[in-house]
Protein backbone atom coordinates (compact mmCIF):
# COMPACT_ATOMS: atom_id res chain seq x y z
CA MET A 1 16.44 17.86 -13.41
CA GLY A 2 15.34 14.45 -13.99
CA HIS A 3 13.16 13.07 -16.74
CA LEU A 4 11.18 10.15 -14.85
CA LEU A 5 9.43 7.29 -17.00
CA MET A 6 6.00 6.55 -14.68
CA VAL A 7 4.50 2.89 -16.10
CA GLU A 8 1.12 3.11 -14.98
CA SER A 9 -0.31 3.98 -11.48
CA TRP A 10 -2.59 3.78 -8.88
CA VAL A 11 -5.71 5.57 -8.91
CA GLY A 12 -5.94 6.56 -5.61
CA SER A 13 -4.00 9.49 -3.82
CA MET A 14 -0.91 8.12 -4.92
CA SER A 15 -1.88 9.26 -8.66
CA THR A 16 -1.93 12.69 -7.42
CA LEU A 17 0.83 12.95 -4.99
CA LEU A 18 3.29 10.73 -7.11
CA PRO A 19 2.89 13.26 -9.65
CA GLN A 20 3.22 16.72 -7.66
CA GLY A 21 6.22 14.82 -5.80
CA ILE A 22 7.98 15.04 -9.19
CA LYS A 23 6.96 18.50 -10.11
CA ASP A 24 7.74 19.62 -6.92
CA GLY A 25 11.12 18.16 -6.68
CA GLY A 26 11.96 20.03 -9.76
CA HIS A 27 11.73 16.85 -12.15
CA ARG A 28 9.23 16.14 -14.84
CA PHE A 29 7.67 12.54 -15.98
CA SER A 30 6.51 10.76 -19.28
CA PHE A 31 3.30 8.28 -18.73
CA LEU A 32 3.24 5.03 -20.23
CA THR A 33 -0.33 3.10 -19.92
CA ARG A 34 -1.78 0.36 -21.70
CA ASN A 35 -5.63 1.65 -21.18
CA LEU A 36 -5.58 5.82 -20.52
CA GLY A 37 -9.50 5.48 -20.35
CA HIS A 38 -8.75 3.19 -16.87
CA TYR A 39 -7.50 6.88 -15.55
CA LEU A 40 -10.39 8.84 -16.51
CA ARG A 41 -13.04 7.44 -14.28
CA PRO A 42 -16.13 9.96 -13.11
CA GLY A 43 -15.06 11.62 -10.44
CA ALA A 44 -11.23 11.79 -10.88
CA PRO A 45 -9.57 15.21 -10.83
CA SER A 46 -9.79 17.17 -14.59
CA PRO A 47 -6.89 17.65 -15.67
CA HIS A 48 -5.97 14.45 -13.80
CA PRO A 49 -2.12 15.07 -12.60
CA LEU A 50 -1.04 11.88 -14.54
CA LEU A 51 -2.01 13.44 -17.48
CA THR A 52 0.41 16.92 -16.85
CA ALA A 53 3.29 14.40 -18.05
CA ASP A 54 5.54 15.83 -20.91
CA ASN A 55 4.23 12.76 -22.82
CA VAL A 56 1.89 10.09 -22.67
CA PHE A 57 2.97 6.83 -24.09
CA THR A 58 0.10 3.83 -24.76
CA ALA A 59 1.74 0.25 -25.03
CA GLU A 60 1.28 -3.15 -23.65
CA THR A 61 2.49 -2.73 -20.07
CA ASN A 62 1.43 -6.34 -19.09
CA ASP A 63 3.84 -8.05 -21.60
CA GLU A 64 7.30 -7.82 -20.56
CA ALA A 65 8.71 -9.31 -23.89
CA THR A 66 7.62 -6.57 -26.02
CA LEU A 67 7.60 -3.57 -23.42
CA LEU A 68 11.00 -3.45 -22.94
CA PRO A 69 12.50 -2.66 -26.66
CA TYR A 70 9.89 -0.52 -26.89
CA ALA A 71 11.01 1.27 -23.40
CA ARG A 72 14.55 1.46 -25.08
CA LYS A 73 13.42 2.90 -27.86
CA LEU A 74 11.57 5.63 -25.93
CA HIS A 75 15.06 6.14 -23.67
CA GLU A 76 16.95 6.89 -27.05
CA LEU A 77 14.13 9.18 -27.93
CA PHE A 78 13.77 10.64 -24.33
CA GLY A 79 16.55 10.19 -22.36
CA PHE A 80 15.36 9.14 -18.90
CA ASP A 81 16.85 9.13 -15.81
CA GLY A 82 14.72 6.71 -13.60
CA VAL A 83 11.66 4.72 -14.15
CA LEU A 84 8.98 3.80 -11.38
CA THR A 85 5.24 3.07 -10.63
CA SER A 86 3.00 3.68 -7.89
CA CYS A 87 1.15 0.34 -8.55
CA ASP A 88 1.92 -2.78 -7.03
CA TYR A 89 1.67 -4.79 -10.36
CA TYR A 90 3.83 -3.14 -12.01
CA LEU A 91 6.59 -3.00 -9.94
CA PRO A 92 8.37 -5.85 -11.46
CA THR A 93 8.24 -4.44 -14.80
CA VAL A 94 9.56 -1.27 -13.54
CA ALA A 95 12.93 -2.88 -12.05
CA ALA A 96 12.80 -4.73 -15.13
CA ILE A 97 13.02 -1.80 -17.49
CA ALA A 98 15.35 0.06 -15.17
CA THR A 99 17.87 -3.01 -15.05
CA ASP A 100 17.59 -3.13 -19.15
CA LEU A 101 18.07 0.99 -19.36
CA GLY A 102 20.95 0.65 -16.92
CA LEU A 103 19.20 3.17 -14.90
CA PRO A 104 19.13 3.26 -10.66
CA GLY A 105 16.24 1.22 -8.93
CA PRO A 106 16.28 -1.89 -7.13
CA GLY A 107 16.66 -4.96 -8.46
CA ARG A 108 14.01 -7.35 -10.72
CA GLU A 109 14.90 -10.18 -8.26
CA ALA A 110 14.43 -8.63 -5.07
CA VAL A 111 11.37 -6.97 -6.36
CA VAL A 112 9.55 -9.98 -7.26
CA ALA A 113 10.61 -11.66 -4.26
CA ALA A 114 8.72 -8.85 -2.13
CA CYS A 115 5.76 -8.89 -4.24
CA ASP A 116 5.36 -12.44 -3.60
CA LYS A 117 3.84 -13.24 -0.40
CA HIS A 118 5.06 -16.95 -0.68
CA ARG A 119 8.53 -16.00 -1.61
CA THR A 120 8.87 -13.30 0.87
CA ARG A 121 7.78 -15.97 3.19
CA GLU A 122 10.40 -18.46 2.40
CA ILE A 123 13.42 -15.84 1.87
CA CYS A 124 12.78 -14.03 5.20
CA ARG A 125 12.32 -17.63 7.18
CA ALA A 126 15.75 -18.96 5.56
CA ALA A 127 17.09 -15.35 7.23
CA GLY A 128 15.61 -15.90 10.29
CA VAL A 129 13.14 -12.96 10.33
CA PRO A 130 10.11 -14.22 12.90
CA GLY A 131 7.09 -15.00 10.94
CA PRO A 132 3.74 -17.13 11.31
CA GLU A 133 3.94 -20.37 10.50
CA PHE A 134 2.55 -21.02 6.43
CA ALA A 135 2.26 -23.23 3.37
CA VAL A 136 1.55 -22.59 -0.20
CA ALA A 137 -1.07 -24.99 -1.75
CA GLN A 138 -3.04 -25.36 -5.60
CA THR A 139 -5.19 -28.03 -5.38
CA PRO A 140 -8.17 -29.02 -2.93
CA ASP A 141 -6.26 -31.76 -1.93
CA GLU A 142 -2.85 -29.81 -0.83
CA ILE A 143 -5.11 -27.11 0.86
CA SER A 144 -7.01 -29.72 2.88
CA ALA A 145 -4.04 -31.14 3.82
CA ALA A 146 -1.88 -27.71 4.24
CA ALA A 147 -4.29 -26.46 6.81
CA ALA A 148 -4.65 -29.77 8.46
CA ARG A 149 -0.59 -29.53 9.57
CA LEU A 150 -1.05 -25.97 10.15
CA GLY A 151 -4.25 -25.95 12.23
CA TYR A 152 -6.96 -23.56 12.47
CA PRO A 153 -7.75 -20.54 12.59
CA LEU A 154 -5.57 -19.70 9.68
CA VAL A 155 -5.71 -16.56 7.34
CA VAL A 156 -5.81 -17.12 3.51
CA LYS A 157 -4.92 -14.84 0.73
CA PRO A 158 -3.75 -15.03 -2.54
CA ILE A 159 0.17 -14.71 -3.03
CA ASP A 160 -0.21 -11.82 -5.78
CA LEU A 161 -2.75 -9.33 -5.06
CA CYS A 162 -2.46 -6.41 -2.89
CA GLY A 163 -5.20 -3.85 -0.88
CA GLY A 164 -5.84 -6.90 1.30
CA MET A 165 -7.83 -8.37 -1.21
CA PHE A 166 -9.17 -11.68 -0.39
CA VAL A 167 -7.34 -12.27 3.00
CA CYS A 168 -9.44 -13.34 5.44
CA ARG A 169 -9.48 -15.66 8.75
CA VAL A 170 -11.15 -18.82 8.65
CA GLU A 171 -11.88 -21.20 11.29
CA ASP A 172 -12.66 -24.54 9.76
CA ASP A 173 -12.69 -26.32 6.32
CA THR A 174 -15.79 -25.10 5.59
CA GLU A 175 -15.05 -21.43 5.46
CA LEU A 176 -11.68 -22.42 4.14
CA ARG A 177 -13.52 -23.81 1.28
CA VAL A 178 -15.44 -20.50 0.60
CA ALA A 179 -12.74 -18.36 0.70
CA VAL A 180 -10.44 -20.42 -1.50
CA ASP A 181 -13.42 -20.57 -3.68
CA ARG A 182 -13.50 -16.46 -3.82
CA ILE A 183 -10.14 -16.44 -4.71
CA ALA A 184 -10.53 -18.56 -7.51
CA GLY A 185 -13.26 -16.36 -8.75
CA PHE A 186 -11.16 -13.62 -9.23
CA PRO A 187 -8.51 -15.30 -12.20
CA VAL A 188 -7.34 -11.91 -13.54
CA ASN A 189 -6.28 -8.95 -11.41
CA ALA A 190 -7.58 -5.22 -11.85
CA ARG A 191 -4.96 -4.78 -14.36
CA GLY A 192 -5.67 -7.51 -16.76
CA GLN A 193 -2.51 -9.69 -15.42
CA ARG A 194 -3.42 -13.21 -14.78
CA ARG A 195 -2.74 -14.32 -11.17
CA SER A 196 -1.33 -17.43 -9.79
CA PRO A 197 -3.62 -20.08 -8.38
CA GLN A 198 -1.54 -20.91 -5.66
CA ILE A 199 -2.95 -19.95 -2.05
CA LEU A 200 -0.72 -19.05 0.78
CA LEU A 201 -2.29 -20.41 4.30
CA GLU A 202 -0.46 -19.03 7.62
CA THR A 203 -1.30 -19.55 11.35
CA CYS A 204 -3.16 -16.83 12.82
CA VAL A 205 -1.02 -14.44 14.39
CA ARG A 206 -2.67 -12.07 17.55
CA GLY A 207 -1.27 -8.68 18.38
CA PRO A 208 -1.86 -5.13 17.15
CA GLU A 209 -0.44 -3.83 14.04
CA PHE A 210 2.11 -1.50 12.61
CA SER A 211 3.98 -0.82 9.16
CA VAL A 212 6.98 0.64 9.24
CA GLU A 213 8.67 3.38 6.82
CA THR A 214 11.89 3.05 5.75
CA VAL A 215 14.27 4.11 2.88
CA THR A 216 17.06 2.29 1.60
CA VAL A 217 19.93 3.13 -0.40
CA ALA A 218 23.12 1.94 -0.97
CA GLY A 219 22.30 -0.75 1.19
CA GLN A 220 21.59 1.53 3.86
CA THR A 221 18.02 1.08 5.25
CA THR A 222 16.64 4.31 6.83
CA VAL A 223 13.71 4.08 9.51
CA VAL A 224 11.77 7.04 9.28
CA GLY A 225 9.21 5.93 11.72
CA VAL A 226 6.28 3.35 12.33
CA THR A 227 2.28 3.67 11.82
CA ASP A 228 -0.43 2.21 14.00
CA LYS A 229 -3.31 0.34 12.33
CA GLN A 230 -6.54 -0.34 13.07
CA LEU A 231 -8.66 -3.11 11.47
CA THR A 232 -12.26 -3.70 10.92
CA GLY A 233 -14.74 -6.13 8.95
CA ALA A 234 -13.66 -9.77 10.28
CA PRO A 235 -12.91 -11.86 9.13
CA ALA A 236 -11.71 -9.87 6.57
CA PHE A 237 -8.54 -7.77 7.55
CA ILE A 238 -9.57 -3.72 6.12
CA GLU A 239 -7.23 -0.87 7.62
CA SER A 240 -10.04 1.41 9.13
CA SER A 241 -7.51 3.93 10.80
CA HIS A 242 -3.49 4.97 10.83
CA MET A 243 -1.42 7.22 13.08
CA PHE A 244 2.04 8.62 13.03
CA PRO A 245 4.37 7.91 15.00
CA ALA A 246 2.79 4.85 16.77
CA ASP A 247 2.22 5.18 20.60
CA LEU A 248 4.43 2.64 21.57
CA SER A 249 7.46 2.18 24.10
CA ASP A 250 11.14 2.68 22.65
CA THR A 251 11.31 -1.03 23.50
CA ASP A 252 9.19 -2.22 20.95
CA ARG A 253 9.16 0.59 18.34
CA THR A 254 13.07 -0.68 18.13
CA ALA A 255 11.68 -4.17 17.78
CA VAL A 256 9.09 -3.71 15.44
CA ALA A 257 11.38 -1.51 13.12
CA GLU A 258 14.85 -3.98 13.29
CA THR A 259 12.58 -6.74 12.00
CA ALA A 260 11.04 -4.90 9.02
CA VAL A 261 14.47 -3.64 8.53
CA ALA A 262 16.10 -7.46 8.38
CA ALA A 263 12.99 -8.31 6.13
CA ILE A 264 14.11 -5.63 4.05
CA THR A 265 18.07 -6.78 3.95
CA ALA A 266 17.01 -10.48 3.59
CA LEU A 267 15.05 -9.82 0.14
CA GLY A 268 17.76 -7.63 -1.30
CA LEU A 269 15.91 -4.65 -1.49
CA ASP A 270 17.58 -1.23 -2.23
CA ALA A 271 16.91 2.03 -3.73
CA THR A 272 13.50 2.14 -2.91
CA VAL A 273 10.86 3.16 -0.13
CA ALA A 274 9.56 0.23 1.84
CA HIS A 275 6.54 0.17 3.95
CA THR A 276 6.66 -3.13 6.14
CA GLU A 277 3.59 -4.61 7.67
CA VAL A 278 4.58 -6.15 11.20
CA LYS A 279 2.31 -7.45 14.20
CA LEU A 280 3.45 -7.37 17.84
CA THR A 281 2.61 -10.79 19.39
CA PRO A 282 3.15 -11.59 22.90
CA ASP A 283 6.11 -13.67 22.03
CA GLY A 284 7.34 -10.18 20.15
CA PRO A 285 7.39 -9.00 16.42
CA CYS A 286 5.99 -11.04 13.62
CA LEU A 287 6.47 -10.22 9.99
CA ILE A 288 3.12 -9.72 7.76
CA GLU A 289 4.42 -8.69 4.61
CA VAL A 290 6.80 -6.23 2.85
CA ASN A 291 5.43 -3.80 0.26
CA PRO A 292 8.63 -1.85 -1.60
CA ARG A 293 7.12 1.37 -2.13
CA PRO A 294 5.79 4.30 -0.74
CA ALA A 295 2.56 3.74 1.57
CA GLY A 296 -0.94 4.16 0.64
CA ASN A 297 -3.86 5.02 2.61
CA ARG A 298 -2.71 8.71 3.08
CA ILE A 299 0.41 7.39 5.46
CA THR A 300 3.02 9.32 3.30
CA GLU A 301 0.61 12.66 4.48
CA LEU A 302 1.12 11.70 8.27
CA VAL A 303 4.52 10.91 8.04
CA ARG A 304 5.07 14.62 6.40
CA ARG A 305 3.02 16.37 8.64
CA VAL A 306 4.99 15.15 11.57
CA THR A 307 8.33 14.93 10.39
CA GLY A 308 8.27 16.98 7.56
CA ILE A 309 10.21 14.23 5.52
CA ASP A 310 7.95 13.59 1.99
CA LEU A 311 8.69 9.49 1.28
CA THR A 312 7.00 10.40 -2.11
CA ARG A 313 9.81 12.68 -2.64
CA ALA A 314 12.67 10.34 -1.24
CA HIS A 315 11.08 7.68 -3.46
CA LEU A 316 11.71 9.71 -6.13
CA GLU A 317 15.16 10.72 -5.26
CA ALA A 318 16.27 6.87 -4.36
CA VAL A 319 15.55 5.75 -8.28
CA LEU A 320 17.09 8.50 -9.68
CA GLY A 321 20.32 7.52 -7.72
CA ALA A 322 20.43 10.25 -5.26
CA VAL A 323 20.35 10.21 -1.67
CA PRO A 324 17.52 11.43 -0.39
CA GLU A 325 17.41 14.11 2.97
CA LEU A 326 15.93 12.41 5.93
CA THR A 327 16.63 14.21 8.63
CA PRO A 328 13.24 15.39 10.58
CA ARG A 329 12.35 18.59 10.95
CA GLN A 330 10.32 20.33 13.50
CA THR A 331 6.60 20.94 12.41
CA GLU A 332 4.70 21.22 15.98
CA VAL A 333 2.87 18.48 14.77
CA GLY A 334 2.80 15.77 17.38
CA SER A 335 0.94 13.09 15.71
CA ALA A 336 -1.28 12.66 12.39
CA ALA A 337 -3.85 10.38 11.93
CA VAL A 338 -6.07 9.36 9.12
CA ALA A 339 -9.60 7.69 9.75
CA PHE A 340 -11.70 5.44 7.08
CA ALA A 341 -15.87 5.32 6.32
CA VAL A 342 -15.83 1.42 6.01
CA PRO A 343 -19.23 0.44 4.68
CA ASP A 344 -20.98 -2.42 5.96
CA ARG A 345 -24.10 -2.91 3.06
CA ALA A 346 -24.58 -1.76 -0.54
CA GLY A 347 -26.96 0.79 -1.35
CA VAL A 348 -26.50 4.39 -2.99
CA VAL A 349 -25.54 7.64 -0.96
CA ALA A 350 -28.56 9.57 -0.09
CA ARG A 351 -27.33 11.88 2.58
CA VAL A 352 -24.23 12.64 4.75
CA ALA A 353 -24.38 13.79 8.00
CA GLY A 354 -22.03 14.71 11.23
CA ALA A 355 -19.60 16.58 9.18
CA THR A 356 -20.90 19.89 9.67
CA GLY A 357 -17.64 22.20 11.08
CA TRP A 358 -15.29 19.76 9.88
CA ALA A 359 -14.23 22.43 6.74
CA ASP A 360 -13.66 25.37 9.91
CA ASP A 361 -12.09 22.80 12.27
CA PRO A 362 -8.29 23.63 12.46
CA ARG A 363 -7.47 20.25 13.49
CA ILE A 364 -8.86 18.46 10.10
CA VAL A 365 -6.48 18.81 7.67
CA GLU A 366 -7.99 16.97 4.81
CA HIS A 367 -11.14 15.36 4.46
CA LYS A 368 -13.14 13.71 1.52
CA LEU A 369 -17.04 12.83 1.87
CA PRO A 370 -19.24 10.59 -0.51
CA GLN A 371 -21.49 12.63 -2.76
CA PRO A 372 -25.38 11.84 -2.64
CA GLY A 373 -25.63 9.25 -5.69
CA THR A 374 -22.78 7.57 -5.07
CA GLU A 375 -22.81 3.92 -5.27
CA VAL A 376 -21.20 1.66 -2.76
CA ARG A 377 -21.24 -2.02 -1.98
CA PRO A 378 -19.65 -3.36 1.25
CA ALA A 379 -16.28 -2.99 2.01
CA THR A 380 -14.30 -6.63 2.03
CA ASP A 381 -10.48 -4.91 1.59
CA ASN A 382 -9.02 -1.42 1.43
CA ASN A 383 -10.50 -0.52 -1.98
CA THR A 384 -13.78 0.42 -0.93
CA TYR A 385 -13.82 3.38 1.35
CA LEU A 386 -16.46 6.17 1.63
CA GLY A 387 -14.30 8.82 2.92
CA HIS A 388 -11.72 9.98 5.34
CA VAL A 389 -10.76 12.19 7.69
CA LEU A 390 -6.96 13.58 8.11
CA VAL A 391 -6.26 15.42 11.26
CA THR A 392 -3.20 16.79 13.50
CA ALA A 393 -2.99 17.37 17.09
CA GLU A 394 0.43 18.82 18.89
CA LYS A 395 0.17 15.65 21.19
CA PRO A 396 2.18 12.70 20.53
CA GLY A 397 -0.65 9.58 20.37
CA ALA A 398 -3.71 12.04 20.52
CA ALA A 399 -4.27 12.18 16.86
CA GLY A 400 -5.36 8.56 16.44
CA GLU A 401 -8.67 9.01 18.70
CA LEU A 402 -9.59 12.42 17.44
CA ALA A 403 -10.13 11.06 13.70
CA ASP A 404 -11.50 7.76 15.19
CA SER A 405 -14.08 9.86 16.93
CA LEU A 406 -14.64 12.20 13.72
CA ILE A 407 -15.31 8.76 11.83
CA ALA A 408 -17.77 7.27 14.39
CA ASP A 409 -19.73 10.48 14.46
CA LEU A 410 -20.43 10.79 10.62
CA ARG A 411 -23.74 9.05 8.99
CA VAL A 412 -23.84 8.16 5.74
CA GLU A 413 -27.36 7.47 4.57
CA LEU A 414 -27.69 4.84 2.04
CA ASP A 415 -31.08 4.08 0.29
CA GLY A 416 -33.13 5.74 3.90
CA GLY A 417 -30.56 3.52 6.19
CA ALA A 418 -27.50 4.24 7.58
CA ALA A 419 -24.25 2.68 6.28
C-alpha cells in the first residue's frame, strides 16, 4: 500500500475520481493545499472526497522555494511513496517535489515544456512532429507583425492556461486585438499564479479533433485508445461531447496515435498518463497540445466503461513507480460517450425539461442536471457546462449520436427562456 501526497486538485470530476482511485487501489493519501476553502464550495459533495485524506496540510503551494523544504519535512514524518495532482497549474510543482524527494514521476523540465504551449510547439517542431505554423509575441507590435507573417485566420491562445480558456479563432486585426485584450485582462490564473504575458498565434488547422489517451512507463508509451470530440461555441473551441473509441479507420487511428506518441517522446515525458489532442487534417494528423495527466471531461470514465482500463489508477501506479496493467477486458460495451449542455446566455435556471426517464434508461449510466436557482453565464471555454449525460452502447460508434441527441432534447429554461 502506497502513501501519496496530493498537491492541490481540480474541483470537478477528477477531485472525486482521483481520491476514489487511490482508495480502490488500496492506497492512501495526504492532501496539501494553499486554500482549503477552494474545495468547500456550494454544491460540492459532503464530505468532499479530498477531505477523506489521512492528513490535510496547508502551505503556500504557489511558492516552490518555500514549498520544497516543507515537503521534505512532511516526507521525513510521513514517508510518501509518490506525489501527484489533477490540476494542470501544479504539475510542474509536483514534478519538482518528486525529484527533490527522490520519488518516481516525470521530470520537471519535461512537464514544464508540456504545460507551456509555446515550448511544446518548439520542441515538437524540432523533432519533426507535425503541427501548425506558429509564433509567440508579447507587445502589440510583435503580435501584429506575427499575425501579418502567418496570415489569417489564426488561432490565438495564452501559453499557460487550460480548459480552452481564451482560445479563439480570429479573422482580422480587429478580432485579434479584442482576443489579445481579453487574455491581457486575466493576468492571474484561478489559483492565484501570475501568468505569462506572451501570446501564442497559430495558423488555423481544419479537420476533426481527437485525443489520444496514453500511459508512459520506463520510456515506453502504450496507446490505450483514441477519443473523438465535438466542438461548439465558435469562435471559441468548446468541447461539447466525446466518444470512445473514436469512429476511425485503422489507418487514421494509427496515424493520430503515432503523432501523439511522437510528441510525448519529443518532450521526454515518462511515468505519467497523457491526454494528447490531435486534429486530422486533409494533409494528415496535426498536433494541438499535450497534457501530462489523465483526461478530464469524464473521458477516463468512457475508457473504463469500454476497455475496463482505469486511467486514474494507471496514473497512480505510474507515479508510484509501478507498471500499470493495461490489458483491455471484455466489457460488452462497444462505445461510450458523454455530451454536455453548453449555455449560450446568462441567467438563472428556472426549470429543466426533456430529461424525463433518464434515471430509468439503461443506456444512461450517469447524468448531472442543473438545479433551479443556479446562476449561469454564456460558455466561452470548457469550465461552464450546465450538465452532462454519459451513455454506453453495445455497438462501436453508436454512443456518440445517442448522447448528442439526449442533450439536444434537453431544455434548460433561464429566466423564462431556453438556454
